[in-house]
């Protein structure tokens, strides 16, 4: 029986036999799924009988599709469902998405400053590599690039750009 979520009758609860009939699986399959997936059929009815909710029937249909149509194993289906839940959570949490996305900087001044700082760090790393490759025989201490050197370069660039603006460039 090919059932979609539109064909599931909306009730407060479903017995295991109802779920098996709606999803089109045998009872032993449903039992193994409830053992494997804790989120499936946790509501207990009278006498300790497992009762399923509407969301459980939808979950069982999705699980059946992943296992039988896409050919995934139970572990593969679990990973896929976890990925889908994580994706849905991230999409719903806009503040989380905003923190993860780094917007490109359009400020050329800031970009130039960062490039100069990166160049200074590269220079320091090359100096450190030379020192380490000499097995520590070099006695001179490393001279780290200072931010003031970078700031001096930036202030020179600012002066040049201000002169250009005044000249009408």
N, C-alpha and C. Protein backbone atom coordinates (compact mmCIF):
# COMPACT_ATOMS: atom_id res chain seq x y z
N UNK A 1 0.84 -1.18 0.00
CA UNK A 1 0.00 0.00 0.00
C UNK A 1 0.88 1.24 0.00
N UNK A 2 0.74 2.11 -0.95
CA UNK A 2 1.52 3.33 -1.05
C UNK A 2 0.77 4.45 -0.35
N UNK A 3 1.25 4.85 0.80
CA UNK A 3 0.58 5.86 1.60
C UNK A 3 1.43 7.11 1.66
N UNK A 4 0.79 8.24 1.49
CA UNK A 4 1.46 9.52 1.70
C UNK A 4 0.89 10.14 2.95
N UNK A 5 1.50 11.23 3.40
CA UNK A 5 1.01 11.87 4.62
C UNK A 5 -0.40 12.41 4.43
N UNK A 6 -0.80 12.67 3.20
CA UNK A 6 -2.16 13.17 2.95
C UNK A 6 -3.20 12.07 3.19
N UNK A 7 -2.81 10.81 3.05
CA UNK A 7 -3.74 9.69 3.22
C UNK A 7 -3.83 9.17 4.65
N UNK A 8 -3.04 9.71 5.55
CA UNK A 8 -3.06 9.23 6.93
C UNK A 8 -4.23 9.89 7.65
N UNK A 9 -5.13 9.09 8.20
CA UNK A 9 -6.24 9.70 8.95
C UNK A 9 -5.69 10.35 10.22
N UNK A 10 -6.17 11.55 10.51
CA UNK A 10 -5.68 12.27 11.68
C UNK A 10 -6.44 11.83 12.91
N UNK A 11 -5.69 11.16 13.78
CA UNK A 11 -6.25 10.69 15.06
C UNK A 11 -5.27 11.06 16.17
N UNK A 12 -5.73 10.93 17.38
CA UNK A 12 -4.87 11.22 18.53
C UNK A 12 -3.79 10.16 18.69
N UNK A 13 -4.14 8.91 18.40
CA UNK A 13 -3.17 7.84 18.55
C UNK A 13 -3.49 6.69 17.59
N UNK A 14 -2.47 5.88 17.35
CA UNK A 14 -2.57 4.74 16.44
C UNK A 14 -2.01 3.52 17.13
N UNK A 15 -2.64 2.39 16.92
CA UNK A 15 -2.10 1.12 17.41
C UNK A 15 -1.01 0.67 16.44
N UNK A 16 -0.18 -0.23 16.89
CA UNK A 16 0.91 -0.74 16.06
C UNK A 16 0.37 -1.38 14.79
N UNK A 17 -0.75 -2.10 14.90
CA UNK A 17 -1.32 -2.74 13.71
C UNK A 17 -1.80 -1.70 12.69
N UNK A 18 -2.32 -0.55 13.19
CA UNK A 18 -2.73 0.53 12.29
C UNK A 18 -1.54 1.12 11.55
N UNK A 19 -0.46 1.32 12.29
CA UNK A 19 0.75 1.89 11.69
C UNK A 19 1.30 0.94 10.62
N UNK A 20 1.33 -0.34 10.94
CA UNK A 20 1.82 -1.33 9.97
C UNK A 20 0.98 -1.30 8.69
N UNK A 21 -0.32 -1.20 8.85
CA UNK A 21 -1.21 -1.18 7.70
C UNK A 21 -1.02 0.11 6.89
N UNK A 22 -0.92 1.25 7.56
CA UNK A 22 -0.76 2.53 6.87
C UNK A 22 0.59 2.63 6.14
N UNK A 23 1.63 2.15 6.78
CA UNK A 23 2.98 2.25 6.21
C UNK A 23 3.24 1.13 5.22
N UNK A 24 2.58 -0.03 5.43
CA UNK A 24 2.78 -1.16 4.53
C UNK A 24 3.97 -2.01 4.92
N UNK A 25 4.13 -2.25 6.21
CA UNK A 25 5.23 -3.08 6.71
C UNK A 25 4.68 -4.13 7.66
N UNK A 26 5.50 -5.12 7.95
CA UNK A 26 5.13 -6.18 8.88
C UNK A 26 5.37 -5.71 10.32
N UNK A 27 4.65 -6.28 11.28
CA UNK A 27 4.82 -5.87 12.68
C UNK A 27 6.24 -6.05 13.22
N UNK A 28 6.95 -7.10 12.80
CA UNK A 28 8.31 -7.29 13.30
C UNK A 28 9.24 -6.18 12.82
N UNK A 29 8.96 -5.63 11.63
CA UNK A 29 9.77 -4.53 11.11
C UNK A 29 9.54 -3.28 11.96
N UNK A 30 8.28 -3.01 12.28
CA UNK A 30 7.96 -1.85 13.13
C UNK A 30 8.60 -2.00 14.50
N UNK A 31 8.59 -3.21 15.06
CA UNK A 31 9.22 -3.43 16.36
C UNK A 31 10.72 -3.16 16.29
N UNK A 32 11.36 -3.60 15.23
CA UNK A 32 12.80 -3.36 15.12
C UNK A 32 13.10 -1.87 14.94
N UNK A 33 12.22 -1.17 14.23
CA UNK A 33 12.42 0.27 14.06
C UNK A 33 12.25 1.00 15.39
N UNK A 34 11.28 0.58 16.19
CA UNK A 34 11.08 1.24 17.49
C UNK A 34 12.25 0.96 18.43
N UNK A 35 12.89 -0.20 18.28
CA UNK A 35 14.08 -0.49 19.07
C UNK A 35 15.26 0.37 18.61
N UNK A 36 15.38 0.57 17.31
CA UNK A 36 16.50 1.30 16.73
C UNK A 36 16.35 2.81 16.86
N UNK A 37 15.13 3.32 16.70
CA UNK A 37 14.89 4.76 16.73
C UNK A 37 14.04 5.10 17.96
N UNK A 38 14.68 5.70 18.94
CA UNK A 38 14.01 6.00 20.20
C UNK A 38 12.86 6.99 20.04
N UNK A 39 12.93 7.84 19.02
CA UNK A 39 11.90 8.84 18.82
C UNK A 39 10.61 8.27 18.21
N UNK A 40 10.60 7.02 17.88
CA UNK A 40 9.44 6.39 17.23
C UNK A 40 8.60 5.65 18.26
N UNK A 41 7.36 6.09 18.48
CA UNK A 41 6.39 5.37 19.30
C UNK A 41 6.71 5.30 20.77
N UNK A 42 6.97 6.41 21.40
CA UNK A 42 7.31 6.39 22.81
C UNK A 42 6.09 6.45 23.72
N UNK A 43 4.96 6.87 23.20
CA UNK A 43 3.78 6.99 24.05
C UNK A 43 3.25 5.60 24.41
N UNK A 44 3.04 5.36 25.68
CA UNK A 44 2.51 4.08 26.14
C UNK A 44 1.03 4.25 26.45
N UNK A 45 0.25 3.34 25.97
CA UNK A 45 -1.18 3.37 26.23
C UNK A 45 -1.53 2.53 27.44
N UNK A 46 -2.81 2.15 27.55
CA UNK A 46 -3.26 1.30 28.66
C UNK A 46 -2.58 -0.06 28.59
N UNK A 47 -2.14 -0.53 29.71
CA UNK A 47 -1.53 -1.85 29.77
C UNK A 47 -0.13 -1.91 29.20
N UNK A 48 0.53 -0.75 29.00
CA UNK A 48 1.90 -0.74 28.51
C UNK A 48 2.02 -1.02 27.02
N UNK A 49 0.92 -0.92 26.28
CA UNK A 49 0.95 -1.15 24.84
C UNK A 49 1.49 0.10 24.15
N UNK A 50 2.37 -0.12 23.19
CA UNK A 50 2.97 0.98 22.46
C UNK A 50 1.93 1.64 21.58
N UNK A 51 1.80 2.95 21.73
CA UNK A 51 0.84 3.73 20.96
C UNK A 51 1.64 4.76 20.16
N UNK A 52 1.23 4.99 18.93
CA UNK A 52 1.95 5.89 18.03
C UNK A 52 1.15 7.16 17.80
N UNK A 53 1.84 8.25 17.60
CA UNK A 53 1.22 9.54 17.27
C UNK A 53 1.26 9.75 15.76
N UNK A 54 0.62 10.79 15.30
CA UNK A 54 0.60 11.12 13.87
C UNK A 54 2.03 11.34 13.36
N UNK A 55 2.84 12.06 14.15
CA UNK A 55 4.23 12.32 13.75
C UNK A 55 5.02 11.01 13.64
N UNK A 56 4.69 10.02 14.47
CA UNK A 56 5.37 8.73 14.40
C UNK A 56 5.05 8.01 13.08
N UNK A 57 3.79 8.13 12.64
CA UNK A 57 3.40 7.49 11.37
C UNK A 57 4.15 8.18 10.22
N UNK A 58 4.24 9.50 10.27
CA UNK A 58 4.99 10.23 9.24
C UNK A 58 6.47 9.81 9.26
N UNK A 59 7.03 9.67 10.45
CA UNK A 59 8.42 9.25 10.59
C UNK A 59 8.62 7.85 10.02
N UNK A 60 7.68 6.96 10.29
CA UNK A 60 7.78 5.59 9.77
C UNK A 60 7.71 5.58 8.24
N UNK A 61 6.86 6.44 7.68
CA UNK A 61 6.79 6.54 6.21
C UNK A 61 8.11 7.05 5.63
N UNK A 62 8.70 8.06 6.27
CA UNK A 62 9.98 8.60 5.80
C UNK A 62 11.07 7.53 5.92
N UNK A 63 11.05 6.81 7.02
CA UNK A 63 12.03 5.74 7.23
C UNK A 63 11.88 4.64 6.19
N UNK A 64 10.66 4.28 5.88
CA UNK A 64 10.42 3.25 4.87
C UNK A 64 10.96 3.71 3.51
N UNK A 65 10.73 4.98 3.19
CA UNK A 65 11.23 5.51 1.92
C UNK A 65 12.76 5.44 1.87
N UNK A 66 13.42 5.85 2.97
CA UNK A 66 14.88 5.82 2.99
C UNK A 66 15.43 4.41 2.88
N UNK A 67 14.78 3.47 3.55
CA UNK A 67 15.29 2.10 3.55
C UNK A 67 14.97 1.35 2.26
N UNK A 68 13.73 1.44 1.81
CA UNK A 68 13.31 0.62 0.68
C UNK A 68 13.51 1.32 -0.67
N UNK A 69 13.24 2.61 -0.75
CA UNK A 69 13.38 3.31 -2.03
C UNK A 69 14.81 3.76 -2.29
N UNK A 70 15.45 4.34 -1.28
CA UNK A 70 16.81 4.84 -1.47
C UNK A 70 17.86 3.78 -1.17
N UNK A 71 17.45 2.67 -0.56
CA UNK A 71 18.37 1.56 -0.32
C UNK A 71 19.37 1.79 0.80
N UNK A 72 19.06 2.65 1.74
CA UNK A 72 19.97 2.91 2.85
C UNK A 72 19.83 1.83 3.92
N UNK A 73 20.86 1.68 4.72
CA UNK A 73 20.79 0.80 5.88
C UNK A 73 20.15 1.59 7.02
N UNK A 74 19.91 0.93 8.15
CA UNK A 74 19.35 1.65 9.29
C UNK A 74 20.31 2.75 9.76
N UNK A 75 21.60 2.45 9.76
CA UNK A 75 22.59 3.45 10.15
C UNK A 75 22.63 4.61 9.17
N UNK A 76 22.57 4.30 7.88
CA UNK A 76 22.55 5.35 6.86
C UNK A 76 21.30 6.21 6.97
N UNK A 77 20.17 5.56 7.24
CA UNK A 77 18.92 6.30 7.41
C UNK A 77 19.00 7.20 8.64
N UNK A 78 19.61 6.70 9.71
CA UNK A 78 19.76 7.52 10.92
C UNK A 78 20.60 8.76 10.63
N UNK A 79 21.72 8.57 9.92
CA UNK A 79 22.58 9.71 9.59
C UNK A 79 21.83 10.71 8.71
N UNK A 80 21.09 10.22 7.74
CA UNK A 80 20.34 11.11 6.84
C UNK A 80 19.28 11.88 7.62
N UNK A 81 18.56 11.21 8.50
CA UNK A 81 17.54 11.89 9.30
C UNK A 81 18.16 12.91 10.25
N UNK A 82 19.31 12.57 10.83
CA UNK A 82 20.00 13.51 11.71
C UNK A 82 20.45 14.74 10.93
N UNK A 83 20.96 14.54 9.71
CA UNK A 83 21.36 15.66 8.86
C UNK A 83 20.18 16.55 8.53
N UNK A 84 19.04 15.93 8.20
CA UNK A 84 17.84 16.69 7.88
C UNK A 84 17.37 17.51 9.08
N UNK A 85 17.43 16.92 10.26
CA UNK A 85 17.02 17.64 11.46
C UNK A 85 17.97 18.80 11.76
N UNK A 86 19.26 18.57 11.58
CA UNK A 86 20.24 19.62 11.81
C UNK A 86 20.05 20.76 10.81
N UNK A 87 19.81 20.41 9.56
CA UNK A 87 19.58 21.43 8.54
C UNK A 87 18.34 22.24 8.87
N UNK A 88 17.28 21.57 9.27
CA UNK A 88 16.05 22.28 9.63
C UNK A 88 16.28 23.18 10.83
N UNK A 89 17.05 22.71 11.80
CA UNK A 89 17.33 23.52 12.99
C UNK A 89 18.14 24.76 12.64
N UNK A 90 19.14 24.59 11.78
CA UNK A 90 19.98 25.72 11.40
C UNK A 90 19.18 26.73 10.59
N UNK A 91 18.35 26.25 9.68
CA UNK A 91 17.53 27.16 8.88
C UNK A 91 16.53 27.91 9.73
N UNK A 92 16.03 27.28 10.77
CA UNK A 92 15.06 27.93 11.65
C UNK A 92 15.72 28.95 12.57
N UNK A 93 16.97 28.73 12.89
CA UNK A 93 17.68 29.61 13.82
C UNK A 93 18.49 30.63 13.02
N UNK A 94 17.87 31.75 12.71
CA UNK A 94 18.53 32.75 11.87
C UNK A 94 19.73 33.38 12.55
N UNK A 95 19.72 33.46 13.88
CA UNK A 95 20.87 34.04 14.56
C UNK A 95 22.09 33.14 14.39
N UNK A 96 21.88 31.83 14.39
CA UNK A 96 22.98 30.88 14.18
C UNK A 96 23.55 31.03 12.78
N UNK A 97 22.68 31.17 11.80
CA UNK A 97 23.13 31.32 10.42
C UNK A 97 23.90 32.61 10.26
N UNK A 98 23.41 33.68 10.90
CA UNK A 98 24.09 34.97 10.79
C UNK A 98 25.50 34.92 11.36
N UNK A 99 25.72 34.12 12.39
CA UNK A 99 27.04 34.01 12.97
C UNK A 99 27.97 33.19 12.10
N UNK A 100 27.45 32.25 11.33
CA UNK A 100 28.28 31.36 10.54
C UNK A 100 28.73 32.00 9.23
N UNK A 101 27.94 32.91 8.69
CA UNK A 101 28.25 33.48 7.38
C UNK A 101 29.19 34.67 7.58
N UNK A 102 30.30 34.66 6.89
CA UNK A 102 31.22 35.78 6.92
C UNK A 102 31.00 36.58 5.67
N UNK A 103 30.58 37.82 5.85
CA UNK A 103 30.31 38.68 4.71
C UNK A 103 31.62 39.26 4.20
N UNK A 104 31.79 39.34 2.89
CA UNK A 104 33.03 39.88 2.35
C UNK A 104 33.16 41.37 2.67
N UNK A 105 34.37 41.77 2.98
CA UNK A 105 34.61 43.17 3.31
C UNK A 105 34.77 43.98 2.04
N UNK A 106 34.07 45.08 1.98
CA UNK A 106 34.17 45.95 0.80
C UNK A 106 34.99 47.19 1.12
N UNK A 107 35.44 47.26 2.34
CA UNK A 107 36.23 48.39 2.77
C UNK A 107 37.67 48.15 2.34
N UNK A 108 38.12 48.88 1.34
CA UNK A 108 39.46 48.64 0.80
C UNK A 108 40.54 48.97 1.82
N UNK A 109 40.28 49.96 2.64
CA UNK A 109 41.26 50.32 3.67
C UNK A 109 41.46 49.16 4.64
N UNK A 110 40.38 48.59 5.10
CA UNK A 110 40.46 47.46 6.03
C UNK A 110 41.13 46.26 5.36
N UNK A 111 40.80 46.03 4.10
CA UNK A 111 41.39 44.92 3.35
C UNK A 111 42.91 45.10 3.24
N UNK A 112 43.32 46.33 2.96
CA UNK A 112 44.75 46.59 2.83
C UNK A 112 45.46 46.39 4.17
N UNK A 113 44.82 46.83 5.25
CA UNK A 113 45.38 46.66 6.58
C UNK A 113 45.56 45.17 6.89
N UNK A 114 44.55 44.38 6.57
CA UNK A 114 44.64 42.94 6.83
C UNK A 114 45.73 42.30 5.99
N UNK A 115 45.86 42.73 4.75
CA UNK A 115 46.92 42.17 3.89
C UNK A 115 48.30 42.48 4.46
N UNK A 116 48.47 43.71 4.96
CA UNK A 116 49.76 44.08 5.55
C UNK A 116 50.05 43.26 6.81
N UNK A 117 49.02 43.06 7.62
CA UNK A 117 49.21 42.26 8.82
C UNK A 117 49.54 40.80 8.48
N UNK A 118 48.90 40.27 7.46
CA UNK A 118 49.18 38.91 7.02
C UNK A 118 50.62 38.81 6.50
N UNK A 119 51.04 39.83 5.76
CA UNK A 119 52.41 39.83 5.25
C UNK A 119 53.41 39.86 6.41
N UNK A 120 53.11 40.63 7.44
CA UNK A 120 54.00 40.70 8.60
C UNK A 120 54.06 39.34 9.31
N UNK A 121 52.92 38.67 9.42
CA UNK A 121 52.89 37.35 10.06
C UNK A 121 53.68 36.35 9.22
N UNK A 122 53.53 36.42 7.90
CA UNK A 122 54.30 35.52 7.02
C UNK A 122 55.79 35.73 7.22
N UNK A 123 56.17 37.00 7.32
CA UNK A 123 57.59 37.32 7.51
C UNK A 123 58.09 36.71 8.82
N UNK A 124 57.30 36.85 9.88
CA UNK A 124 57.68 36.28 11.17
C UNK A 124 57.78 34.76 11.09
N UNK A 125 56.85 34.14 10.40
CA UNK A 125 56.87 32.68 10.27
C UNK A 125 58.08 32.20 9.49
N UNK A 126 58.44 32.94 8.43
CA UNK A 126 59.64 32.57 7.66
C UNK A 126 60.89 32.70 8.53
N UNK A 127 60.94 33.74 9.33
CA UNK A 127 62.08 33.94 10.24
C UNK A 127 62.14 32.80 11.25
N UNK A 128 60.99 32.42 11.77
CA UNK A 128 60.93 31.31 12.73
C UNK A 128 61.37 30.01 12.07
N UNK A 129 60.93 29.78 10.84
CA UNK A 129 61.32 28.58 10.11
C UNK A 129 62.83 28.54 9.89
N UNK A 130 63.40 29.69 9.54
CA UNK A 130 64.86 29.74 9.36
C UNK A 130 65.57 29.42 10.66
N UNK A 131 65.07 29.96 11.74
CA UNK A 131 65.68 29.72 13.05
C UNK A 131 65.60 28.24 13.42
N UNK A 132 64.42 27.66 13.20
CA UNK A 132 64.25 26.26 13.54
C UNK A 132 65.05 25.35 12.62
N UNK A 133 65.20 25.71 11.36
CA UNK A 133 65.96 24.87 10.43
C UNK A 133 67.45 24.91 10.74
N UNK A 134 67.90 25.96 11.44
CA UNK A 134 69.30 26.03 11.87
C UNK A 134 69.50 25.29 13.17
N UNK A 135 68.49 24.54 13.61
CA UNK A 135 68.54 23.75 14.85
C UNK A 135 68.89 24.59 16.07
N UNK A 136 68.44 25.82 16.05
CA UNK A 136 68.66 26.66 17.23
C UNK A 136 70.05 27.22 17.32
N UNK A 137 70.89 27.09 16.29
CA UNK A 137 72.26 27.61 16.37
C UNK A 137 72.28 29.12 16.21
N UNK A 138 71.26 29.69 15.65
CA UNK A 138 71.20 31.14 15.49
C UNK A 138 70.89 31.75 16.85
N UNK A 139 71.65 32.73 17.27
CA UNK A 139 71.50 33.29 18.61
C UNK A 139 70.64 34.54 18.63
N UNK A 140 70.42 35.15 17.51
CA UNK A 140 69.62 36.38 17.52
C UNK A 140 68.16 36.06 17.79
N UNK A 141 67.55 36.90 18.55
CA UNK A 141 66.14 36.70 18.89
C UNK A 141 65.28 37.15 17.72
N UNK A 142 64.12 36.57 17.65
CA UNK A 142 63.18 36.95 16.61
C UNK A 142 62.63 38.32 16.89
N UNK A 143 62.47 39.10 15.85
CA UNK A 143 61.88 40.42 16.00
C UNK A 143 60.48 40.38 15.39
N UNK A 144 59.47 40.31 16.23
CA UNK A 144 58.12 40.24 15.68
C UNK A 144 57.73 41.55 15.01
N UNK A 145 56.97 41.43 13.96
CA UNK A 145 56.45 42.62 13.28
C UNK A 145 55.45 43.28 14.21
N UNK A 146 55.55 44.56 14.29
CA UNK A 146 54.65 45.27 15.19
C UNK A 146 53.50 45.87 14.41
N UNK A 147 52.45 46.14 15.12
CA UNK A 147 51.29 46.74 14.50
C UNK A 147 51.60 48.16 14.08
N UNK A 148 52.53 48.80 14.79
CA UNK A 148 52.85 50.18 14.45
C UNK A 148 53.47 50.27 13.07
N UNK A 149 54.25 49.26 12.65
CA UNK A 149 54.79 49.25 11.30
C UNK A 149 53.65 49.20 10.29
N UNK A 150 52.67 48.37 10.58
CA UNK A 150 51.52 48.24 9.69
C UNK A 150 50.73 49.55 9.67
N UNK A 151 50.55 50.14 10.84
CA UNK A 151 49.79 51.39 10.92
C UNK A 151 50.50 52.51 10.17
N UNK A 152 51.84 52.55 10.23
CA UNK A 152 52.59 53.57 9.49
C UNK A 152 52.35 53.45 7.99
N UNK A 153 52.36 52.21 7.50
CA UNK A 153 52.12 51.98 6.08
C UNK A 153 50.72 52.43 5.69
N UNK A 154 49.77 52.16 6.56
CA UNK A 154 48.38 52.53 6.27
C UNK A 154 48.22 54.04 6.28
N UNK A 155 48.87 54.73 7.25
CA UNK A 155 48.73 56.18 7.31
C UNK A 155 49.34 56.83 6.08
N UNK A 156 50.43 56.26 5.54
CA UNK A 156 51.02 56.77 4.31
C UNK A 156 50.03 56.62 3.16
N UNK A 157 49.36 55.45 3.10
CA UNK A 157 48.38 55.22 2.04
C UNK A 157 47.20 56.18 2.16
N UNK A 158 46.80 56.50 3.39
CA UNK A 158 45.70 57.44 3.60
C UNK A 158 46.09 58.82 3.08
N UNK A 159 47.31 59.24 3.39
CA UNK A 159 47.78 60.55 2.94
C UNK A 159 47.78 60.62 1.42
N UNK A 160 48.23 59.53 0.78
CA UNK A 160 48.25 59.51 -0.69
C UNK A 160 46.84 59.60 -1.25
N UNK A 161 45.92 58.85 -0.66
CA UNK A 161 44.55 58.87 -1.18
C UNK A 161 43.90 60.23 -0.93
N UNK A 162 44.22 60.89 0.18
CA UNK A 162 43.67 62.23 0.44
C UNK A 162 44.21 63.24 -0.57
N UNK A 163 45.50 63.11 -0.91
CA UNK A 163 46.08 64.01 -1.92
C UNK A 163 45.39 63.81 -3.26
N UNK A 164 45.09 62.54 -3.60
CA UNK A 164 44.42 62.24 -4.86
C UNK A 164 43.02 62.84 -4.89
N UNK A 165 42.33 62.75 -3.77
CA UNK A 165 40.96 63.30 -3.70
C UNK A 165 40.99 64.81 -3.88
N UNK A 166 41.97 65.47 -3.22
CA UNK A 166 42.08 66.92 -3.35
C UNK A 166 42.44 67.34 -4.77
N UNK A 167 43.25 66.51 -5.45
CA UNK A 167 43.65 66.81 -6.81
C UNK A 167 42.54 66.51 -7.82
N UNK A 168 41.49 65.83 -7.35
CA UNK A 168 40.35 65.54 -8.24
C UNK A 168 40.47 64.24 -8.98
N UNK A 169 41.23 63.31 -8.47
CA UNK A 169 41.40 62.00 -9.12
C UNK A 169 40.22 61.17 -8.88
